[in-house]
N, C-alpha and C. Protein backbone atom coordinates (compact mmCIF):
# COMPACT_ATOMS: atom_id res chain seq x y z
N MET A 1 -9.02 -18.39 -13.55
CA MET A 1 -9.51 -18.33 -14.91
C MET A 1 -10.11 -19.68 -15.28
N ALA A 2 -11.30 -19.67 -15.81
CA ALA A 2 -11.99 -20.91 -16.18
C ALA A 2 -11.52 -21.39 -17.54
N ARG A 3 -11.56 -22.69 -17.71
CA ARG A 3 -11.20 -23.31 -18.98
C ARG A 3 -12.32 -23.03 -20.00
N LEU A 4 -11.93 -22.85 -21.26
CA LEU A 4 -12.93 -22.68 -22.32
C LEU A 4 -13.83 -23.90 -22.39
N LYS A 5 -15.09 -23.69 -22.67
CA LYS A 5 -16.00 -24.81 -22.87
C LYS A 5 -15.49 -25.63 -24.05
N SER A 6 -15.74 -26.92 -23.98
CA SER A 6 -15.26 -27.82 -25.03
C SER A 6 -15.74 -27.41 -26.42
N ASN A 7 -17.01 -27.02 -26.53
CA ASN A 7 -17.53 -26.67 -27.86
C ASN A 7 -16.82 -25.45 -28.44
N ILE A 8 -16.47 -24.49 -27.64
CA ILE A 8 -15.76 -23.30 -28.12
C ILE A 8 -14.33 -23.67 -28.49
N TRP A 9 -13.66 -24.47 -27.66
CA TRP A 9 -12.29 -24.88 -27.95
C TRP A 9 -12.23 -25.65 -29.27
N VAL A 10 -13.16 -26.60 -29.46
CA VAL A 10 -13.17 -27.41 -30.68
C VAL A 10 -13.40 -26.54 -31.91
N ALA A 11 -14.34 -25.61 -31.85
CA ALA A 11 -14.60 -24.73 -32.99
C ALA A 11 -13.36 -23.91 -33.33
N ALA A 12 -12.68 -23.39 -32.32
CA ALA A 12 -11.47 -22.60 -32.55
C ALA A 12 -10.34 -23.47 -33.09
N TYR A 13 -10.23 -24.68 -32.60
CA TYR A 13 -9.18 -25.60 -33.05
C TYR A 13 -9.38 -25.99 -34.52
N ILE A 14 -10.60 -26.31 -34.88
CA ILE A 14 -10.88 -26.65 -36.28
C ILE A 14 -10.57 -25.47 -37.18
N ARG A 15 -10.93 -24.29 -36.74
CA ARG A 15 -10.63 -23.07 -37.52
C ARG A 15 -9.12 -22.89 -37.67
N ARG A 16 -8.38 -23.13 -36.61
CA ARG A 16 -6.91 -23.01 -36.66
C ARG A 16 -6.33 -23.95 -37.71
N CYS A 17 -6.82 -25.18 -37.74
CA CYS A 17 -6.36 -26.15 -38.73
C CYS A 17 -6.70 -25.67 -40.14
N GLN A 18 -7.91 -25.18 -40.33
CA GLN A 18 -8.33 -24.70 -41.65
C GLN A 18 -7.46 -23.54 -42.12
N ILE A 19 -7.09 -22.65 -41.22
CA ILE A 19 -6.22 -21.53 -41.57
C ILE A 19 -4.89 -22.03 -42.11
N GLU A 20 -4.42 -23.16 -41.59
CA GLU A 20 -3.15 -23.75 -42.02
C GLU A 20 -3.33 -24.70 -43.21
N ASN A 21 -4.53 -24.71 -43.80
CA ASN A 21 -4.86 -25.59 -44.94
C ASN A 21 -4.74 -27.07 -44.60
N VAL A 22 -5.14 -27.40 -43.38
CA VAL A 22 -5.17 -28.79 -42.93
C VAL A 22 -6.65 -29.15 -42.73
N ALA A 23 -7.07 -30.25 -43.35
CA ALA A 23 -8.46 -30.68 -43.25
C ALA A 23 -8.75 -31.16 -41.83
N ALA A 24 -9.76 -30.59 -41.21
CA ALA A 24 -10.18 -30.99 -39.86
C ALA A 24 -11.70 -30.98 -39.79
N VAL A 25 -12.26 -32.05 -39.24
CA VAL A 25 -13.71 -32.15 -39.11
C VAL A 25 -14.08 -32.63 -37.71
N LEU A 26 -15.24 -32.24 -37.29
CA LEU A 26 -15.79 -32.73 -36.04
C LEU A 26 -16.48 -34.05 -36.33
N ARG A 27 -15.98 -35.12 -35.77
CA ARG A 27 -16.57 -36.45 -35.97
C ARG A 27 -17.60 -36.79 -34.92
N ARG A 28 -17.40 -36.28 -33.71
CA ARG A 28 -18.32 -36.60 -32.62
C ARG A 28 -18.42 -35.41 -31.69
N ARG A 29 -19.66 -35.00 -31.45
CA ARG A 29 -19.92 -33.90 -30.52
C ARG A 29 -20.15 -34.48 -29.15
N GLY A 30 -19.43 -33.95 -28.18
CA GLY A 30 -19.57 -34.43 -26.80
C GLY A 30 -20.29 -33.41 -25.94
N ALA A 31 -20.05 -33.49 -24.66
CA ALA A 31 -20.66 -32.56 -23.71
C ALA A 31 -20.12 -31.15 -23.97
N GLU A 32 -21.01 -30.19 -24.13
CA GLU A 32 -20.60 -28.83 -24.50
C GLU A 32 -19.71 -28.16 -23.47
N GLU A 33 -20.00 -28.39 -22.21
CA GLU A 33 -19.26 -27.69 -21.15
C GLU A 33 -17.85 -28.24 -20.95
N ALA A 34 -17.76 -29.56 -20.73
CA ALA A 34 -16.46 -30.08 -20.30
C ALA A 34 -16.15 -31.48 -20.83
N GLY A 35 -16.70 -31.83 -21.98
CA GLY A 35 -16.38 -33.14 -22.55
C GLY A 35 -14.91 -33.25 -22.91
N ALA A 36 -14.32 -34.41 -22.68
CA ALA A 36 -12.92 -34.65 -23.05
C ALA A 36 -12.80 -34.62 -24.57
N ILE A 37 -11.67 -34.12 -25.06
CA ILE A 37 -11.45 -33.97 -26.50
C ILE A 37 -10.33 -34.89 -26.93
N PHE A 38 -10.59 -35.66 -27.99
CA PHE A 38 -9.60 -36.54 -28.59
C PHE A 38 -9.38 -36.08 -30.03
N VAL A 39 -8.11 -36.09 -30.46
CA VAL A 39 -7.77 -35.65 -31.80
C VAL A 39 -7.08 -36.79 -32.54
N LYS A 40 -7.70 -37.23 -33.63
CA LYS A 40 -7.11 -38.27 -34.49
C LYS A 40 -6.49 -37.57 -35.68
N VAL A 41 -5.25 -37.91 -35.98
CA VAL A 41 -4.56 -37.37 -37.15
C VAL A 41 -4.33 -38.52 -38.12
N ALA A 42 -5.13 -38.56 -39.19
CA ALA A 42 -4.97 -39.59 -40.22
C ALA A 42 -3.85 -39.15 -41.16
N LEU A 43 -2.87 -40.04 -41.33
CA LEU A 43 -1.71 -39.71 -42.16
C LEU A 43 -1.93 -40.05 -43.64
N LEU A 44 -3.12 -40.56 -43.96
CA LEU A 44 -3.52 -40.87 -45.33
C LEU A 44 -2.69 -41.98 -45.97
N ASP A 45 -2.11 -42.83 -45.13
CA ASP A 45 -1.36 -43.98 -45.63
C ASP A 45 -1.75 -45.25 -44.87
N GLY A 46 -2.94 -45.21 -44.22
CA GLY A 46 -3.40 -46.34 -43.42
C GLY A 46 -2.99 -46.26 -41.96
N ARG A 47 -2.23 -45.23 -41.62
CA ARG A 47 -1.80 -45.04 -40.23
C ARG A 47 -2.40 -43.76 -39.68
N ALA A 48 -2.42 -43.68 -38.36
CA ALA A 48 -2.95 -42.48 -37.70
C ALA A 48 -2.28 -42.31 -36.35
N MET A 49 -2.38 -41.09 -35.85
CA MET A 49 -1.92 -40.77 -34.50
C MET A 49 -3.14 -40.34 -33.70
N LEU A 50 -3.11 -40.60 -32.42
CA LEU A 50 -4.20 -40.19 -31.55
C LEU A 50 -3.63 -39.36 -30.42
N PHE A 51 -4.24 -38.20 -30.19
CA PHE A 51 -3.85 -37.33 -29.10
C PHE A 51 -5.00 -37.28 -28.11
N VAL A 52 -4.65 -37.46 -26.85
CA VAL A 52 -5.64 -37.57 -25.78
C VAL A 52 -5.37 -36.50 -24.73
N PRO A 53 -6.35 -36.18 -23.89
CA PRO A 53 -6.10 -35.20 -22.84
C PRO A 53 -4.99 -35.67 -21.91
N ALA A 54 -4.10 -34.75 -21.58
CA ALA A 54 -3.01 -35.07 -20.66
C ALA A 54 -3.56 -35.24 -19.25
N PRO A 55 -2.88 -36.04 -18.43
CA PRO A 55 -3.33 -36.17 -17.03
C PRO A 55 -3.15 -34.85 -16.30
N GLN A 56 -3.90 -34.67 -15.25
CA GLN A 56 -3.85 -33.42 -14.48
C GLN A 56 -2.45 -33.08 -14.02
N SER A 57 -1.61 -34.08 -13.80
CA SER A 57 -0.26 -33.83 -13.32
C SER A 57 0.60 -33.09 -14.35
N ALA A 58 0.17 -33.05 -15.61
CA ALA A 58 0.92 -32.37 -16.67
C ALA A 58 0.64 -30.87 -16.71
N TYR A 59 -0.35 -30.43 -15.97
CA TYR A 59 -0.76 -29.03 -16.03
C TYR A 59 0.07 -28.16 -15.11
N ASP A 60 0.40 -26.98 -15.59
CA ASP A 60 1.12 -25.98 -14.82
C ASP A 60 0.10 -25.31 -13.90
N ALA A 61 0.38 -25.27 -12.62
CA ALA A 61 -0.56 -24.70 -11.66
C ALA A 61 -0.89 -23.23 -11.96
N SER A 62 0.02 -22.53 -12.64
CA SER A 62 -0.25 -21.12 -12.95
C SER A 62 -1.13 -20.96 -14.19
N ARG A 63 -1.33 -22.08 -14.94
CA ARG A 63 -2.17 -22.01 -16.14
C ARG A 63 -3.13 -23.20 -16.20
N PRO A 64 -4.00 -23.35 -15.23
CA PRO A 64 -4.88 -24.52 -15.20
C PRO A 64 -5.97 -24.51 -16.26
N ALA A 65 -6.18 -23.39 -16.93
CA ALA A 65 -7.26 -23.28 -17.90
C ALA A 65 -6.89 -23.82 -19.28
N GLU A 66 -5.60 -24.09 -19.51
CA GLU A 66 -5.18 -24.57 -20.81
C GLU A 66 -5.60 -26.02 -21.02
N ARG A 67 -5.66 -26.43 -22.28
CA ARG A 67 -5.87 -27.84 -22.60
C ARG A 67 -4.55 -28.37 -23.15
N ILE A 68 -4.09 -29.44 -22.55
CA ILE A 68 -2.82 -30.03 -22.95
C ILE A 68 -3.09 -31.47 -23.38
N PHE A 69 -2.40 -31.89 -24.42
CA PHE A 69 -2.60 -33.22 -24.98
C PHE A 69 -1.29 -34.01 -24.95
N ILE A 70 -1.43 -35.33 -24.97
CA ILE A 70 -0.29 -36.22 -25.12
C ILE A 70 -0.61 -37.21 -26.23
N ALA A 71 0.43 -37.72 -26.86
CA ALA A 71 0.24 -38.76 -27.87
C ALA A 71 -0.13 -40.06 -27.17
N ALA A 72 -1.11 -40.77 -27.71
CA ALA A 72 -1.54 -42.03 -27.10
C ALA A 72 -0.51 -43.12 -27.31
N ALA A 73 0.35 -42.98 -28.32
CA ALA A 73 1.40 -43.95 -28.60
C ALA A 73 2.62 -43.20 -29.13
N ALA A 74 3.78 -43.82 -28.98
CA ALA A 74 5.02 -43.16 -29.42
C ALA A 74 5.12 -43.05 -30.94
N GLU A 75 4.51 -43.97 -31.65
CA GLU A 75 4.57 -44.00 -33.11
C GLU A 75 3.17 -44.07 -33.69
N PRO A 76 2.98 -43.63 -34.93
CA PRO A 76 1.68 -43.81 -35.57
C PRO A 76 1.30 -45.30 -35.60
N ALA A 77 0.00 -45.55 -35.53
CA ALA A 77 -0.51 -46.92 -35.52
C ALA A 77 -1.45 -47.11 -36.71
N ALA A 78 -1.80 -48.35 -36.98
CA ALA A 78 -2.80 -48.62 -38.01
C ALA A 78 -4.09 -47.90 -37.64
N GLU A 79 -4.76 -47.35 -38.64
CA GLU A 79 -6.00 -46.60 -38.35
C GLU A 79 -7.00 -47.45 -37.58
N GLN A 80 -7.06 -48.73 -37.88
CA GLN A 80 -8.00 -49.61 -37.20
C GLN A 80 -7.71 -49.66 -35.69
N VAL A 81 -6.44 -49.64 -35.33
CA VAL A 81 -6.06 -49.65 -33.91
C VAL A 81 -6.53 -48.36 -33.23
N VAL A 82 -6.35 -47.24 -33.92
CA VAL A 82 -6.80 -45.95 -33.37
C VAL A 82 -8.32 -45.93 -33.25
N GLU A 83 -9.01 -46.44 -34.26
CA GLU A 83 -10.48 -46.48 -34.20
C GLU A 83 -10.97 -47.37 -33.06
N GLU A 84 -10.28 -48.47 -32.81
CA GLU A 84 -10.66 -49.35 -31.69
C GLU A 84 -10.46 -48.62 -30.36
N ARG A 85 -9.40 -47.86 -30.25
CA ARG A 85 -9.16 -47.08 -29.02
C ARG A 85 -10.26 -46.05 -28.83
N LEU A 86 -10.65 -45.37 -29.92
CA LEU A 86 -11.72 -44.37 -29.82
C LEU A 86 -13.04 -45.02 -29.42
N ALA A 87 -13.34 -46.19 -29.97
CA ALA A 87 -14.58 -46.90 -29.61
C ALA A 87 -14.57 -47.25 -28.12
N LYS A 88 -13.41 -47.66 -27.63
CA LYS A 88 -13.27 -47.98 -26.20
C LYS A 88 -13.51 -46.73 -25.34
N GLU A 89 -12.95 -45.59 -25.78
CA GLU A 89 -13.14 -44.34 -25.04
C GLU A 89 -14.61 -43.94 -25.01
N ILE A 90 -15.31 -44.13 -26.13
CA ILE A 90 -16.74 -43.79 -26.19
C ILE A 90 -17.54 -44.68 -25.25
N ARG A 91 -17.19 -45.96 -25.19
CA ARG A 91 -17.89 -46.86 -24.25
C ARG A 91 -17.65 -46.43 -22.80
N PHE A 92 -16.46 -45.93 -22.52
CA PHE A 92 -16.12 -45.48 -21.17
C PHE A 92 -16.79 -44.15 -20.83
N ASP A 93 -16.83 -43.23 -21.80
CA ASP A 93 -17.38 -41.89 -21.58
C ASP A 93 -18.07 -41.42 -22.85
N SER A 94 -19.37 -41.44 -22.85
CA SER A 94 -20.12 -41.09 -24.06
C SER A 94 -20.12 -39.58 -24.34
N ASP A 95 -19.54 -38.79 -23.47
CA ASP A 95 -19.52 -37.33 -23.65
C ASP A 95 -18.26 -36.81 -24.35
N ILE A 96 -17.43 -37.69 -24.92
CA ILE A 96 -16.18 -37.23 -25.53
C ILE A 96 -16.42 -36.58 -26.89
N TRP A 97 -15.51 -35.71 -27.24
CA TRP A 97 -15.47 -35.08 -28.55
C TRP A 97 -14.38 -35.78 -29.36
N ILE A 98 -14.59 -35.91 -30.67
CA ILE A 98 -13.55 -36.44 -31.54
C ILE A 98 -13.39 -35.50 -32.73
N VAL A 99 -12.18 -35.00 -32.90
CA VAL A 99 -11.83 -34.17 -34.05
C VAL A 99 -10.89 -35.02 -34.90
N GLU A 100 -11.15 -35.06 -36.20
CA GLU A 100 -10.26 -35.82 -37.09
C GLU A 100 -9.59 -34.87 -38.07
N ILE A 101 -8.30 -35.05 -38.18
CA ILE A 101 -7.47 -34.26 -39.10
C ILE A 101 -6.92 -35.21 -40.14
N GLU A 102 -6.82 -34.74 -41.38
CA GLU A 102 -6.15 -35.50 -42.43
C GLU A 102 -4.96 -34.68 -42.90
N ASP A 103 -3.76 -35.21 -42.64
CA ASP A 103 -2.56 -34.49 -43.03
C ASP A 103 -1.40 -35.48 -43.14
N ARG A 104 -0.86 -35.62 -44.33
CA ARG A 104 0.24 -36.55 -44.57
C ARG A 104 1.45 -36.25 -43.69
N ALA A 105 1.66 -34.98 -43.37
CA ALA A 105 2.81 -34.59 -42.55
C ALA A 105 2.55 -34.76 -41.05
N GLY A 106 1.32 -35.06 -40.67
CA GLY A 106 1.00 -35.27 -39.27
C GLY A 106 0.89 -34.00 -38.45
N ARG A 107 0.67 -32.87 -39.12
CA ARG A 107 0.53 -31.61 -38.37
C ARG A 107 -0.75 -31.63 -37.55
N HIS A 108 -0.68 -31.13 -36.32
CA HIS A 108 -1.86 -31.14 -35.45
C HIS A 108 -2.03 -29.85 -34.66
N PHE A 109 -1.00 -29.02 -34.51
CA PHE A 109 -1.10 -27.72 -33.85
C PHE A 109 -1.54 -27.78 -32.40
N LEU A 110 -1.27 -28.89 -31.73
CA LEU A 110 -1.61 -29.05 -30.31
C LEU A 110 -0.37 -28.78 -29.46
N ASP A 111 -0.58 -28.16 -28.32
CA ASP A 111 0.51 -28.05 -27.35
C ASP A 111 0.56 -29.38 -26.62
N LEU A 112 1.69 -30.07 -26.70
CA LEU A 112 1.79 -31.38 -26.10
C LEU A 112 2.53 -31.32 -24.78
N ALA A 113 2.10 -32.14 -23.85
CA ALA A 113 2.79 -32.25 -22.57
C ALA A 113 4.07 -33.06 -22.82
N THR A 114 5.13 -32.68 -22.15
CA THR A 114 6.37 -33.44 -22.27
C THR A 114 6.35 -34.57 -21.25
N PRO A 115 6.77 -35.78 -21.66
CA PRO A 115 6.71 -36.92 -20.74
C PRO A 115 7.69 -36.80 -19.60
């Protein structure tokens, strides 16, 4: 089974957030087929969380088509720190997608890989 194209996954993800009354916007459009997706969750208090694609080792061999994310840090960081990380990722790979969520509770609706 093939993985959903990034553009379809992002559209569905944003819709999922909207259904839950969580503000989500596409900040950066990446490669439609297979661009890496990063999700920033702004906590609206000057801090944010960043979720990044999990390494391939986190994937279950029976479900390789899923997208799994991990938190970039154990705790929320200053938004400026998260923005600097995103800028670094863009310099490394200009095809990335960035979705930004604004939610004081930090809800993100992502399936996270367990460390």
